[in-house]
Amino acid sequence: MKKFLFASLTFLLVLGMVAGCGQKAATTEPAASEFKIDKLVVGMDDTFAPMGFRDDKGEIVGFDVDLAKEVGKRLGCEVVFQPIDWDSKEVELESGNISCIWNGFTITEERSAAMEMTKPYLANRQMIMVDPNSGVKAKADLAGKEIGVQKGSSALDAVNADAELMKMVSKVSEYPANVDAYNDLKIGRIAGVVSDEILARYYLSTEAYKGMTLLEDSLAAEDYGIGFKKGNTELRDAVQKAMDEMIADGTAAQISTQWFGKDIMVK
């Protein structure tokens, strides 16, 4: 009888352990889910063609716009394009009014220290647009003349860093938008405009700026990236992952070809 009772108790104990194990497995917490975001607010200069600008219907379009839309699809979030004062872009980002700065945004040491930056995805140079009919054929011809640049831009940084140019020109005028400087160049108010090569070549392809040209002398080579608030590495990494996937599967190349006629993405 004792043997039977011992055997019965042993059986019940083992059964209870098995049941307990089964119950524990059922309540095990699932693995952490991937990063989620409901809305990506992209801070941009809506006059910066072909990266982000307004078409004839007033709708925001552009190369960076298409890239951001595709990233939004892959992250499963809404993408909102928020035009901002480019000179106040860092304040907009820090205050949380925008999720990122994505509009031909040059990677610099200062910006990399102040915010989280993605890897480069496009290469660029700062170049000088002039009216060849004004007699300006080379950088040296700008001696004693006034040039224009967008306020708060990497072009302004490049001009300030070029000691030779700063010593040469009579004045550097800062404009709210590049197109304002281009328009002053057209009417002869200034002798040259320093801006991103990608932007300048787009405008040169239009009828309005057909007579302008770029000097062979470039000021600085640089790369475009996407900027996020300092410490927000989770969002940066999620966007970077989506961009990496787009480059790997050819989607980014297709978008690049649509806007530039070829794949110019940094691999």
Protein backbone atom coordinates (compact mmCIF):
# COMPACT_ATOMS: atom_id res chain seq x y z
CA MET A 1 0.00 0.00 0.00
CA LYS A 2 2.80 2.38 0.87
CA LYS A 3 4.54 1.53 -2.40
CA PHE A 4 1.35 2.23 -4.33
CA LEU A 5 0.81 5.52 -2.50
CA PHE A 6 4.44 6.57 -3.11
CA ALA A 7 4.13 5.70 -6.80
CA SER A 8 0.87 7.67 -7.07
CA LEU A 9 2.37 10.72 -5.40
CA THR A 10 5.43 10.53 -7.63
CA PHE A 11 3.22 10.36 -10.73
CA LEU A 12 1.17 13.37 -9.60
CA LEU A 13 4.34 15.34 -8.82
CA VAL A 14 5.80 14.67 -12.27
CA LEU A 15 2.46 15.49 -13.89
CA GLY A 16 2.34 18.76 -11.99
CA MET A 17 5.87 19.64 -13.09
CA VAL A 18 5.01 18.93 -16.72
CA ALA A 19 1.86 21.02 -16.46
CA GLY A 20 3.81 23.79 -14.78
CA CYS A 21 6.39 23.76 -17.54
CA GLY A 22 3.65 23.91 -20.12
CA GLN A 23 2.02 26.87 -18.38
CA LYS A 24 5.34 28.72 -18.15
CA ALA A 25 5.99 28.27 -21.87
CA ALA A 26 2.57 29.67 -22.68
CA THR A 27 3.20 32.85 -20.70
CA THR A 28 6.72 33.50 -21.98
CA GLU A 29 6.98 37.12 -23.20
CA PRO A 30 7.39 37.53 -26.96
CA ALA A 31 10.56 38.98 -28.43
CA ALA A 32 10.76 42.76 -28.58
CA SER A 33 9.05 44.17 -31.70
CA GLU A 34 10.88 46.26 -34.28
CA PHE A 35 10.94 50.06 -34.04
CA LYS A 36 7.60 51.68 -34.87
CA ILE A 37 6.70 55.29 -35.68
CA ASP A 38 3.32 56.70 -36.68
CA LYS A 39 4.49 59.84 -38.45
CA LEU A 40 7.79 61.03 -39.95
CA VAL A 41 7.85 64.84 -40.25
CA VAL A 42 10.50 65.84 -42.78
CA GLY A 43 11.89 69.36 -42.40
CA MET A 44 12.80 70.86 -45.78
CA ASP A 45 13.43 73.92 -47.93
CA ASP A 46 10.62 73.70 -50.52
CA THR A 47 12.61 75.73 -53.06
CA PHE A 48 15.54 73.32 -53.24
CA ALA A 49 15.02 71.66 -56.62
CA PRO A 50 15.40 68.86 -57.52
CA MET A 51 15.71 67.54 -53.95
CA GLY A 52 12.46 69.02 -52.63
CA PHE A 53 10.37 71.78 -54.23
CA ARG A 54 6.86 72.74 -55.38
CA ASP A 55 5.67 71.84 -58.87
CA ASP A 56 3.31 73.88 -61.05
CA LYS A 57 0.36 72.65 -58.96
CA GLY A 58 1.99 73.71 -55.71
CA GLU A 59 2.61 70.12 -54.62
CA ILE A 60 5.90 69.19 -52.94
CA VAL A 61 7.94 66.88 -55.17
CA GLY A 62 11.58 65.94 -55.62
CA PHE A 63 14.28 63.33 -55.35
CA ASP A 64 14.55 63.41 -51.55
CA VAL A 65 10.75 63.54 -51.36
CA ASP A 66 10.45 60.27 -53.29
CA LEU A 67 13.15 58.65 -51.16
CA ALA A 68 11.36 59.71 -47.96
CA LYS A 69 8.01 58.43 -49.23
CA GLU A 70 9.55 55.02 -49.93
CA VAL A 71 11.15 54.93 -46.49
CA GLY A 72 7.74 55.73 -45.00
CA LYS A 73 6.20 52.77 -46.81
CA ARG A 74 8.86 50.45 -45.43
CA LEU A 75 8.49 51.79 -41.89
CA GLY A 76 4.70 51.68 -42.15
CA CYS A 77 4.30 55.33 -41.21
CA GLU A 78 2.83 58.55 -42.58
CA VAL A 79 5.35 60.98 -44.09
CA VAL A 80 4.66 64.71 -43.73
CA PHE A 81 6.79 67.30 -45.52
CA GLN A 82 7.20 70.46 -43.44
CA PRO A 83 8.73 73.54 -45.15
CA ILE A 84 10.93 75.43 -42.69
CA ASP A 85 13.16 78.46 -42.52
CA TRP A 86 16.45 76.83 -43.48
CA ASP A 87 18.41 79.13 -41.22
CA SER A 88 16.36 77.83 -38.24
CA LYS A 89 16.49 74.13 -39.14
CA GLU A 90 18.45 73.12 -36.04
CA VAL A 91 15.94 74.88 -33.77
CA GLU A 92 13.03 73.14 -35.54
CA LEU A 93 14.70 69.77 -35.02
CA GLU A 94 15.64 70.36 -31.39
CA SER A 95 12.14 71.57 -30.51
CA GLY A 96 10.53 68.46 -31.97
CA ASN A 97 8.59 70.32 -34.67
CA ILE A 98 10.20 68.01 -37.23
CA SER A 99 11.48 64.43 -37.04
CA CYS A 100 14.45 64.96 -39.33
CA ILE A 101 16.15 67.32 -41.77
CA TRP A 102 16.12 65.74 -45.22
CA ASN A 103 16.59 68.00 -48.22
CA GLY A 104 20.06 68.01 -49.73
CA PHE A 105 21.46 68.26 -46.18
CA THR A 106 25.25 68.35 -46.17
CA ILE A 107 27.13 66.29 -43.59
CA THR A 108 29.63 68.46 -41.70
CA GLU A 109 31.67 67.95 -38.54
CA GLU A 110 29.60 70.59 -36.75
CA ARG A 111 26.30 68.99 -37.72
CA SER A 112 27.54 65.50 -36.90
CA ALA A 113 28.41 66.72 -33.39
CA ALA A 114 25.07 68.48 -32.87
CA MET A 115 22.74 65.78 -34.24
CA GLU A 116 22.51 62.16 -35.37
CA MET A 117 23.42 61.75 -39.05
CA THR A 118 22.89 58.86 -41.45
CA LYS A 119 25.59 57.58 -43.74
CA PRO A 120 26.11 59.60 -46.97
CA TYR A 121 23.70 58.72 -49.76
CA LEU A 122 24.64 61.33 -52.37
CA ALA A 123 27.83 63.21 -53.29
CA ASN A 124 27.86 66.92 -54.07
CA ARG A 125 30.15 69.92 -54.63
CA GLN A 126 29.83 73.65 -53.98
CA MET A 127 30.19 75.53 -57.25
CA ILE A 128 29.87 79.09 -58.53
CA MET A 129 27.16 80.03 -61.02
CA VAL A 130 27.87 83.10 -63.16
CA ASP A 131 26.61 84.94 -66.21
CA PRO A 132 29.31 84.41 -68.86
CA ASN A 133 28.23 87.65 -70.57
CA SER A 134 29.39 89.58 -67.48
CA GLY A 135 33.01 88.79 -68.22
CA VAL A 136 33.41 86.36 -65.31
CA LYS A 137 35.15 83.31 -66.77
CA ALA A 138 37.10 82.09 -63.75
CA LYS A 139 37.20 82.45 -60.00
CA ALA A 140 39.84 85.18 -60.23
CA ASP A 141 37.42 87.35 -62.22
CA LEU A 142 35.26 87.75 -59.10
CA ALA A 143 37.86 90.09 -57.58
CA GLY A 144 36.17 93.22 -56.27
CA LYS A 145 32.69 91.86 -57.03
CA GLU A 146 29.72 90.82 -54.91
CA ILE A 147 28.54 87.21 -54.69
CA GLY A 148 25.42 85.60 -53.23
CA VAL A 149 24.74 82.53 -51.11
CA GLN A 150 21.83 81.04 -49.16
CA LYS A 151 21.76 81.97 -45.50
CA GLY A 152 22.56 79.10 -43.12
CA SER A 153 23.70 76.79 -45.93
CA SER A 154 26.77 74.62 -46.38
CA ALA A 155 27.55 76.88 -49.36
CA LEU A 156 28.00 79.76 -46.92
CA ASP A 157 30.30 77.55 -44.84
CA ALA A 158 32.32 76.77 -47.96
CA VAL A 159 32.61 80.45 -48.86
CA ASN A 160 33.73 81.40 -45.35
CA ALA A 161 36.30 78.59 -45.39
CA ASP A 162 37.77 79.76 -48.72
CA ALA A 163 40.26 82.41 -47.58
CA GLU A 164 41.25 83.25 -51.16
CA LEU A 165 37.66 83.90 -52.24
CA MET A 166 36.79 85.89 -49.10
CA LYS A 167 39.82 88.14 -49.64
CA MET A 168 38.95 88.52 -53.30
CA VAL A 169 35.26 89.49 -53.34
CA SER A 170 33.89 92.82 -52.17
CA LYS A 171 30.83 91.39 -50.40
CA VAL A 172 29.00 88.13 -49.65
CA SER A 173 25.23 88.69 -49.61
CA GLU A 174 23.06 86.12 -47.85
CA TYR A 175 19.63 85.21 -49.26
CA PRO A 176 16.65 83.33 -47.74
CA ALA A 177 16.60 80.94 -50.73
CA ASN A 178 19.01 80.05 -53.53
CA VAL A 179 16.51 81.06 -56.19
CA ASP A 180 16.55 84.63 -54.83
CA ALA A 181 20.29 84.77 -55.37
CA TYR A 182 19.96 83.24 -58.85
CA ASN A 183 17.44 85.90 -59.79
CA ASP A 184 19.76 88.69 -58.64
CA LEU A 185 22.50 87.09 -60.73
CA LYS A 186 20.26 87.17 -63.80
CA ILE A 187 19.63 90.90 -63.52
CA GLY A 188 23.31 91.65 -62.83
CA ARG A 189 22.92 92.73 -59.21
CA ILE A 190 25.60 90.23 -58.13
CA ALA A 191 28.44 88.56 -60.06
CA GLY A 192 28.11 84.97 -58.87
CA VAL A 193 26.19 82.54 -56.68
CA VAL A 194 27.77 79.74 -54.66
CA SER A 195 25.42 76.76 -54.26
CA ASP A 196 25.16 72.99 -54.45
CA GLU A 197 26.16 71.62 -57.85
CA ILE A 198 23.08 69.36 -57.98
CA LEU A 199 20.80 72.33 -57.39
CA ALA A 200 22.66 74.61 -59.80
CA ARG A 201 22.67 72.08 -62.64
CA TYR A 202 18.94 71.58 -62.24
CA TYR A 203 18.31 75.31 -62.63
CA LEU A 204 20.70 75.50 -65.57
CA SER A 205 18.58 72.88 -67.33
CA THR A 206 15.53 75.17 -67.18
CA GLU A 207 14.71 77.83 -69.75
CA ALA A 208 14.82 80.64 -67.18
CA TYR A 209 18.52 80.12 -66.40
CA LYS A 210 19.68 78.81 -69.75
CA GLY A 211 22.26 81.58 -70.23
CA MET A 212 24.04 80.98 -66.93
CA THR A 213 27.02 78.65 -66.44
CA LEU A 214 29.20 77.09 -63.71
CA LEU A 215 32.86 77.93 -63.24
CA GLU A 216 35.26 75.00 -63.37
CA ASP A 217 36.59 75.97 -59.92
CA SER A 218 34.69 74.16 -57.14
CA LEU A 219 34.86 75.23 -53.50
CA ALA A 220 34.25 72.02 -51.57
CA ALA A 221 33.30 68.38 -52.06
CA GLU A 222 30.67 67.10 -49.66
CA ASP A 223 28.05 64.42 -49.01
CA TYR A 224 24.34 64.55 -48.32
CA GLY A 225 22.84 62.82 -45.29
CA ILE A 226 19.72 62.89 -43.10
CA GLY A 227 19.85 64.64 -39.73
CA PHE A 228 17.98 63.64 -36.55
CA LYS A 229 17.76 65.09 -33.05
CA LYS A 230 20.78 64.30 -30.90
CA GLY A 231 20.20 61.02 -29.05
CA ASN A 232 17.44 59.81 -31.37
CA THR A 233 19.54 56.95 -32.70
CA GLU A 234 16.55 54.60 -32.85
CA LEU A 235 14.78 56.61 -35.54
CA ARG A 236 18.02 57.27 -37.39
CA ASP A 237 18.87 53.57 -37.46
CA ALA A 238 15.36 52.64 -38.65
CA VAL A 239 15.58 55.12 -41.54
CA GLN A 240 19.14 54.02 -42.32
CA LYS A 241 18.05 50.38 -42.47
CA ALA A 242 15.26 51.25 -44.90
CA MET A 243 17.68 53.27 -47.05
CA ASP A 244 20.19 50.41 -47.08
CA GLU A 245 17.46 48.04 -48.24
CA MET A 246 16.39 50.47 -50.98
CA ILE A 247 19.95 50.73 -52.26
CA ALA A 248 20.44 46.96 -52.12
CA ASP A 249 17.22 46.07 -53.96
CA GLY A 250 17.58 48.77 -56.63
CA THR A 251 14.65 50.97 -55.58
CA ALA A 252 16.91 53.94 -54.79
CA ALA A 253 18.62 53.53 -58.16
CA GLN A 254 15.24 53.71 -59.91
CA ILE A 255 14.35 56.92 -58.08
CA SER A 256 17.77 58.39 -58.89
CA THR A 257 17.40 57.53 -62.58
CA GLN A 258 13.99 59.21 -62.70
CA TRP A 259 15.44 62.48 -61.43
CA PHE A 260 19.02 62.50 -62.71
CA GLY A 261 18.99 60.11 -65.67
CA LYS A 262 21.38 57.72 -63.91
CA ASP A 263 22.11 56.08 -60.58
CA ILE A 264 24.21 58.53 -58.54
CA MET A 265 23.53 57.02 -55.11
CA VAL A 266 26.52 56.52 -52.81
CA LYS A 267 26.85 52.77 -52.29
